[in-house]
Amino acid sequence: MTEEVNKFVLGIELNENPIAQALATDDDRLFAARIIEALIERAAKLVAANLAAVILKTGKAKSEDKPVLMTIEGTTFYKLKDFQVMFESFLKEFLSGDNQRYYEIIEVENSSLIGAAIAGIVN
């Protein structure tokens, strides 16, 4: 369903989109897109707040030469309309000023699978 939501807010293949088909008018589609975009923004803010809280709680990443490394995988993060941009903006805001922390985000393909395999081997 995330793919259909993303296509809807991006205006892709609207004639075949179940969300667009369920809405009667262009105004309805516009309002629905605005609501979905607000939900995406809220999700990005909540994820950023949670990760910022973890970073702050550890007391680490106070110097630029020792940042926290975050591996983030998944199409939702990288392809959902504006999610990554909003997430990074919120995270930067939360980890600035008195809460200044340094971090680096990298994408590691299949990181969950690799992590599970390592955990299986270790245990």
N, C-alpha and C. Protein backbone atom coordinates (compact mmCIF):
# COMPACT_ATOMS: atom_id res chain seq x y z
N MET A 1 0.81 -1.20 0.00
CA MET A 1 0.00 0.00 0.00
C MET A 1 0.86 1.26 0.00
N THR A 2 2.05 1.21 0.61
CA THR A 2 2.91 2.38 0.64
C THR A 2 3.23 2.85 -0.77
N GLU A 3 3.42 1.91 -1.68
CA GLU A 3 3.73 2.26 -3.07
C GLU A 3 2.57 3.04 -3.70
N GLU A 4 1.34 2.61 -3.44
CA GLU A 4 0.18 3.32 -3.99
C GLU A 4 0.04 4.70 -3.37
N VAL A 5 0.30 4.82 -2.08
CA VAL A 5 0.24 6.12 -1.41
C VAL A 5 1.29 7.05 -2.01
N ASN A 6 2.49 6.54 -2.18
CA ASN A 6 3.56 7.36 -2.74
C ASN A 6 3.22 7.81 -4.16
N LYS A 7 2.74 6.89 -4.98
CA LYS A 7 2.35 7.26 -6.35
C LYS A 7 1.23 8.29 -6.34
N PHE A 8 0.31 8.16 -5.41
CA PHE A 8 -0.80 9.11 -5.32
C PHE A 8 -0.29 10.52 -5.03
N VAL A 9 0.56 10.67 -4.00
CA VAL A 9 1.03 12.02 -3.66
C VAL A 9 1.98 12.57 -4.71
N LEU A 10 2.62 11.68 -5.47
CA LEU A 10 3.49 12.14 -6.55
C LEU A 10 2.72 12.38 -7.85
N GLY A 11 1.46 11.96 -7.89
CA GLY A 11 0.64 12.15 -9.08
C GLY A 11 0.98 11.18 -10.20
N ILE A 12 1.46 10.00 -9.86
CA ILE A 12 1.87 9.00 -10.85
C ILE A 12 0.74 7.98 -11.03
N GLU A 13 0.40 7.69 -12.27
CA GLU A 13 -0.58 6.66 -12.62
C GLU A 13 -1.89 6.82 -11.85
N LEU A 14 -2.41 8.03 -11.79
CA LEU A 14 -3.60 8.29 -10.99
C LEU A 14 -4.83 7.54 -11.49
N ASN A 15 -4.89 7.28 -12.80
CA ASN A 15 -6.06 6.57 -13.34
C ASN A 15 -6.15 5.15 -12.80
N GLU A 16 -5.03 4.56 -12.41
CA GLU A 16 -5.00 3.20 -11.90
C GLU A 16 -4.86 3.14 -10.38
N ASN A 17 -4.71 4.28 -9.74
CA ASN A 17 -4.44 4.31 -8.31
C ASN A 17 -5.74 4.13 -7.51
N PRO A 18 -5.77 3.15 -6.59
CA PRO A 18 -7.00 2.91 -5.83
C PRO A 18 -7.41 4.08 -4.93
N ILE A 19 -6.46 4.85 -4.47
CA ILE A 19 -6.80 6.00 -3.64
C ILE A 19 -7.48 7.06 -4.50
N ALA A 20 -6.88 7.36 -5.64
CA ALA A 20 -7.46 8.36 -6.54
C ALA A 20 -8.83 7.91 -7.04
N GLN A 21 -8.99 6.64 -7.29
CA GLN A 21 -10.27 6.11 -7.77
C GLN A 21 -11.37 6.23 -6.70
N ALA A 22 -10.97 6.15 -5.43
CA ALA A 22 -11.95 6.21 -4.34
C ALA A 22 -12.44 7.63 -4.06
N LEU A 23 -11.77 8.61 -4.61
CA LEU A 23 -12.12 10.01 -4.36
C LEU A 23 -12.87 10.58 -5.55
N ALA A 24 -13.94 11.29 -5.26
CA ALA A 24 -14.87 11.72 -6.31
C ALA A 24 -14.41 12.93 -7.11
N THR A 25 -13.76 13.89 -6.46
CA THR A 25 -13.44 15.13 -7.15
C THR A 25 -11.95 15.45 -7.05
N ASP A 26 -11.53 16.39 -7.88
CA ASP A 26 -10.14 16.84 -7.81
C ASP A 26 -9.84 17.50 -6.46
N ASP A 27 -10.83 18.22 -5.92
CA ASP A 27 -10.65 18.82 -4.59
C ASP A 27 -10.43 17.75 -3.53
N ASP A 28 -11.20 16.67 -3.61
CA ASP A 28 -11.02 15.56 -2.66
C ASP A 28 -9.61 14.98 -2.78
N ARG A 29 -9.15 14.81 -4.01
CA ARG A 29 -7.80 14.26 -4.22
C ARG A 29 -6.74 15.22 -3.68
N LEU A 30 -6.94 16.51 -3.87
CA LEU A 30 -6.00 17.51 -3.37
C LEU A 30 -5.94 17.49 -1.84
N PHE A 31 -7.11 17.46 -1.21
CA PHE A 31 -7.15 17.43 0.26
C PHE A 31 -6.55 16.13 0.79
N ALA A 32 -6.84 15.01 0.14
CA ALA A 32 -6.28 13.72 0.57
C ALA A 32 -4.76 13.75 0.45
N ALA A 33 -4.24 14.30 -0.63
CA ALA A 33 -2.79 14.39 -0.81
C ALA A 33 -2.17 15.25 0.28
N ARG A 34 -2.82 16.35 0.63
CA ARG A 34 -2.30 17.21 1.70
C ARG A 34 -2.28 16.48 3.05
N ILE A 35 -3.32 15.72 3.31
CA ILE A 35 -3.37 14.96 4.57
C ILE A 35 -2.27 13.92 4.60
N ILE A 36 -2.09 13.21 3.50
CA ILE A 36 -1.04 12.18 3.43
C ILE A 36 0.34 12.82 3.58
N GLU A 37 0.56 13.94 2.92
CA GLU A 37 1.86 14.62 3.04
C GLU A 37 2.11 15.07 4.48
N ALA A 38 1.06 15.51 5.18
CA ALA A 38 1.21 15.89 6.59
C ALA A 38 1.55 14.67 7.44
N LEU A 39 0.97 13.52 7.11
CA LEU A 39 1.28 12.29 7.85
C LEU A 39 2.72 11.86 7.60
N ILE A 40 3.18 12.01 6.37
CA ILE A 40 4.58 11.67 6.05
C ILE A 40 5.52 12.59 6.83
N GLU A 41 5.19 13.87 6.87
CA GLU A 41 6.02 14.82 7.63
C GLU A 41 6.03 14.45 9.11
N ARG A 42 4.88 14.11 9.66
CA ARG A 42 4.80 13.74 11.07
C ARG A 42 5.63 12.48 11.34
N ALA A 43 5.56 11.52 10.45
CA ALA A 43 6.35 10.29 10.61
C ALA A 43 7.84 10.60 10.58
N ALA A 44 8.27 11.45 9.66
CA ALA A 44 9.69 11.83 9.57
C ALA A 44 10.13 12.51 10.86
N LYS A 45 9.29 13.36 11.40
CA LYS A 45 9.62 14.08 12.63
C LYS A 45 9.72 13.12 13.82
N LEU A 46 8.79 12.17 13.90
CA LEU A 46 8.81 11.22 15.02
C LEU A 46 10.02 10.28 14.95
N VAL A 47 10.35 9.82 13.76
CA VAL A 47 11.53 8.97 13.60
C VAL A 47 12.79 9.75 13.97
N ALA A 48 12.89 10.97 13.48
CA ALA A 48 14.05 11.81 13.80
C ALA A 48 14.13 12.08 15.30
N ALA A 49 13.01 12.35 15.93
CA ALA A 49 12.99 12.62 17.37
C ALA A 49 13.45 11.39 18.15
N ASN A 50 12.99 10.22 17.74
CA ASN A 50 13.39 8.99 18.43
C ASN A 50 14.88 8.73 18.29
N LEU A 51 15.40 8.87 17.09
CA LEU A 51 16.84 8.64 16.89
C LEU A 51 17.67 9.72 17.58
N ALA A 52 17.22 10.95 17.56
CA ALA A 52 17.93 12.02 18.27
C ALA A 52 17.96 11.72 19.77
N ALA A 53 16.85 11.24 20.31
CA ALA A 53 16.80 10.92 21.73
C ALA A 53 17.80 9.82 22.09
N VAL A 54 17.90 8.81 21.24
CA VAL A 54 18.86 7.73 21.48
C VAL A 54 20.29 8.28 21.46
N ILE A 55 20.58 9.09 20.46
CA ILE A 55 21.93 9.66 20.34
C ILE A 55 22.25 10.52 21.56
N LEU A 56 21.30 11.37 21.96
CA LEU A 56 21.53 12.24 23.13
C LEU A 56 21.68 11.42 24.41
N LYS A 57 20.90 10.38 24.55
CA LYS A 57 20.95 9.54 25.76
C LYS A 57 22.30 8.84 25.89
N THR A 58 22.92 8.48 24.78
CA THR A 58 24.21 7.80 24.85
C THR A 58 25.33 8.73 25.30
N GLY A 59 25.14 10.03 25.08
CA GLY A 59 26.20 10.98 25.42
C GLY A 59 27.36 10.95 24.45
N LYS A 60 27.20 10.25 23.33
CA LYS A 60 28.28 10.11 22.34
C LYS A 60 28.12 11.16 21.24
N ALA A 61 29.06 11.11 20.29
CA ALA A 61 29.02 11.90 19.06
C ALA A 61 29.16 13.41 19.30
N LYS A 62 29.90 13.77 20.34
CA LYS A 62 30.07 15.19 20.65
C LYS A 62 31.20 15.83 19.84
N SER A 63 31.99 15.01 19.16
CA SER A 63 33.06 15.58 18.33
C SER A 63 32.87 15.12 16.89
N GLU A 64 33.26 15.99 15.99
CA GLU A 64 33.07 15.74 14.57
C GLU A 64 33.87 14.53 14.08
N ASP A 65 34.97 14.23 14.74
CA ASP A 65 35.79 13.10 14.30
C ASP A 65 35.29 11.76 14.83
N LYS A 66 34.26 11.77 15.69
CA LYS A 66 33.67 10.53 16.20
C LYS A 66 32.14 10.60 16.11
N PRO A 67 31.61 10.62 14.89
CA PRO A 67 30.16 10.71 14.74
C PRO A 67 29.48 9.36 15.02
N VAL A 68 28.21 9.42 15.27
CA VAL A 68 27.38 8.22 15.33
C VAL A 68 27.13 7.81 13.87
N LEU A 69 27.24 6.53 13.60
CA LEU A 69 26.98 6.01 12.25
C LEU A 69 25.63 5.33 12.25
N MET A 70 24.76 5.77 11.37
CA MET A 70 23.43 5.17 11.25
C MET A 70 23.30 4.51 9.90
N THR A 71 22.92 3.25 9.92
CA THR A 71 22.62 2.58 8.65
C THR A 71 21.10 2.53 8.56
N ILE A 72 20.60 3.02 7.46
CA ILE A 72 19.16 3.06 7.26
C ILE A 72 18.88 2.39 5.92
N GLU A 73 17.98 1.42 5.95
CA GLU A 73 17.64 0.76 4.70
C GLU A 73 16.14 0.78 4.52
N GLY A 74 15.72 0.57 3.32
CA GLY A 74 14.29 0.46 3.04
C GLY A 74 13.81 1.50 2.06
N THR A 75 12.89 1.06 1.22
CA THR A 75 12.36 1.96 0.20
C THR A 75 11.52 3.08 0.80
N THR A 76 10.90 2.84 1.95
CA THR A 76 10.11 3.90 2.57
C THR A 76 10.99 5.09 2.88
N PHE A 77 12.15 4.86 3.46
CA PHE A 77 13.04 5.95 3.81
C PHE A 77 13.56 6.67 2.57
N TYR A 78 14.00 5.93 1.59
CA TYR A 78 14.67 6.53 0.44
C TYR A 78 13.74 6.98 -0.69
N LYS A 79 12.54 6.40 -0.79
CA LYS A 79 11.69 6.71 -1.94
C LYS A 79 10.36 7.38 -1.63
N LEU A 80 9.91 7.31 -0.38
CA LEU A 80 8.64 7.96 -0.03
C LEU A 80 8.81 9.47 -0.16
N LYS A 81 7.86 10.10 -0.81
CA LYS A 81 7.95 11.52 -1.16
C LYS A 81 8.44 12.39 0.01
N ASP A 82 9.63 12.94 -0.16
CA ASP A 82 10.24 13.91 0.75
C ASP A 82 10.57 13.36 2.15
N PHE A 83 10.36 12.06 2.41
CA PHE A 83 10.59 11.54 3.75
C PHE A 83 12.04 11.73 4.19
N GLN A 84 12.97 11.32 3.35
CA GLN A 84 14.39 11.40 3.72
C GLN A 84 14.81 12.84 3.96
N VAL A 85 14.40 13.73 3.10
CA VAL A 85 14.76 15.15 3.23
C VAL A 85 14.21 15.72 4.53
N MET A 86 12.94 15.43 4.82
CA MET A 86 12.34 15.94 6.05
C MET A 86 12.99 15.32 7.28
N PHE A 87 13.23 14.01 7.24
CA PHE A 87 13.89 13.33 8.36
C PHE A 87 15.22 13.98 8.67
N GLU A 88 16.05 14.16 7.64
CA GLU A 88 17.38 14.73 7.85
C GLU A 88 17.30 16.17 8.35
N SER A 89 16.33 16.92 7.90
CA SER A 89 16.13 18.29 8.37
C SER A 89 15.75 18.31 9.85
N PHE A 90 14.81 17.47 10.22
CA PHE A 90 14.40 17.40 11.63
C PHE A 90 15.55 16.92 12.51
N LEU A 91 16.27 15.89 12.07
CA LEU A 91 17.38 15.35 12.86
C LEU A 91 18.45 16.42 13.07
N LYS A 92 18.75 17.14 12.01
CA LYS A 92 19.74 18.22 12.11
C LYS A 92 19.28 19.27 13.11
N GLU A 93 18.01 19.60 13.07
CA GLU A 93 17.45 20.58 14.00
C GLU A 93 17.53 20.08 15.45
N PHE A 94 17.16 18.81 15.68
CA PHE A 94 17.17 18.25 17.03
C PHE A 94 18.58 18.13 17.59
N LEU A 95 19.55 17.90 16.72
CA LEU A 95 20.93 17.68 17.17
C LEU A 95 21.81 18.88 16.88
N SER A 96 21.30 20.07 17.17
CA SER A 96 22.06 21.29 16.97
C SER A 96 22.02 22.11 18.25
N GLY A 97 22.71 23.23 18.24
CA GLY A 97 22.73 24.11 19.42
C GLY A 97 23.33 23.41 20.61
N ASP A 98 22.66 23.48 21.76
CA ASP A 98 23.15 22.84 22.99
C ASP A 98 23.19 21.32 22.86
N ASN A 99 22.41 20.79 21.96
CA ASN A 99 22.37 19.34 21.73
C ASN A 99 23.24 18.92 20.55
N GLN A 100 24.21 19.72 20.18
CA GLN A 100 25.03 19.44 19.00
C GLN A 100 25.65 18.04 19.07
N ARG A 101 25.31 17.23 18.10
CA ARG A 101 25.89 15.91 17.96
C ARG A 101 26.20 15.71 16.49
N TYR A 102 27.15 14.83 16.23
CA TYR A 102 27.58 14.57 14.86
C TYR A 102 27.17 13.16 14.48
N TYR A 103 26.73 13.01 13.26
CA TYR A 103 26.25 11.72 12.79
C TYR A 103 26.50 11.58 11.30
N GLU A 104 26.46 10.37 10.86
CA GLU A 104 26.60 10.06 9.44
C GLU A 104 25.58 8.99 9.11
N ILE A 105 24.88 9.18 8.02
CA ILE A 105 23.88 8.21 7.57
C ILE A 105 24.42 7.52 6.33
N ILE A 106 24.41 6.18 6.36
CA ILE A 106 24.83 5.44 5.18
C ILE A 106 23.79 4.38 4.86
N GLU A 107 23.73 4.01 3.61
CA GLU A 107 22.84 2.94 3.18
C GLU A 107 23.67 1.67 2.99
N VAL A 108 23.27 0.62 3.67
CA VAL A 108 23.92 -0.68 3.52
C VAL A 108 22.84 -1.64 3.03
N GLU A 109 23.03 -2.12 1.82
CA GLU A 109 22.03 -3.03 1.26
C GLU A 109 21.94 -4.28 2.12
N ASN A 110 20.72 -4.70 2.39
CA ASN A 110 20.43 -5.92 3.15
C ASN A 110 21.03 -5.91 4.55
N SER A 111 21.11 -4.73 5.17
CA SER A 111 21.73 -4.65 6.50
C SER A 111 20.97 -5.47 7.54
N SER A 112 19.65 -5.52 7.46
CA SER A 112 18.88 -6.33 8.41
C SER A 112 19.20 -7.81 8.25
N LEU A 113 19.28 -8.25 7.02
CA LEU A 113 19.61 -9.65 6.75
C LEU A 113 21.02 -9.98 7.22
N ILE A 114 21.96 -9.10 6.94
CA ILE A 114 23.35 -9.30 7.37
C ILE A 114 23.43 -9.32 8.90
N GLY A 115 22.74 -8.39 9.54
CA GLY A 115 22.73 -8.34 10.99
C GLY A 115 22.14 -9.58 11.61
N ALA A 116 21.05 -10.08 11.03
CA ALA A 116 20.43 -11.30 11.54
C ALA A 116 21.36 -12.50 11.35
N ALA A 117 22.06 -12.54 10.22
CA ALA A 117 23.00 -13.63 9.98
C ALA A 117 24.15 -13.60 10.98
N ILE A 118 24.67 -12.43 11.25
CA ILE A 118 25.76 -12.29 12.23
C ILE A 118 25.26 -12.69 13.62
N ALA A 119 24.06 -12.25 13.98
CA ALA A 119 23.50 -12.62 15.28
C ALA A 119 23.33 -14.12 15.39
N GLY A 120 22.90 -14.77 14.30
CA GLY A 120 22.74 -16.21 14.29
C GLY A 120 24.06 -16.94 14.46
N ILE A 121 25.09 -16.40 13.85
CA ILE A 121 26.42 -17.01 13.95
C ILE A 121 27.00 -16.82 15.35
N VAL A 122 26.84 -15.62 15.90
CA VAL A 122 27.39 -15.30 17.21
C VAL A 122 26.70 -16.09 18.31
N ASN A 123 25.41 -16.26 18.17
CA ASN A 123 24.64 -16.97 19.21
C ASN A 123 24.63 -18.42 18.84
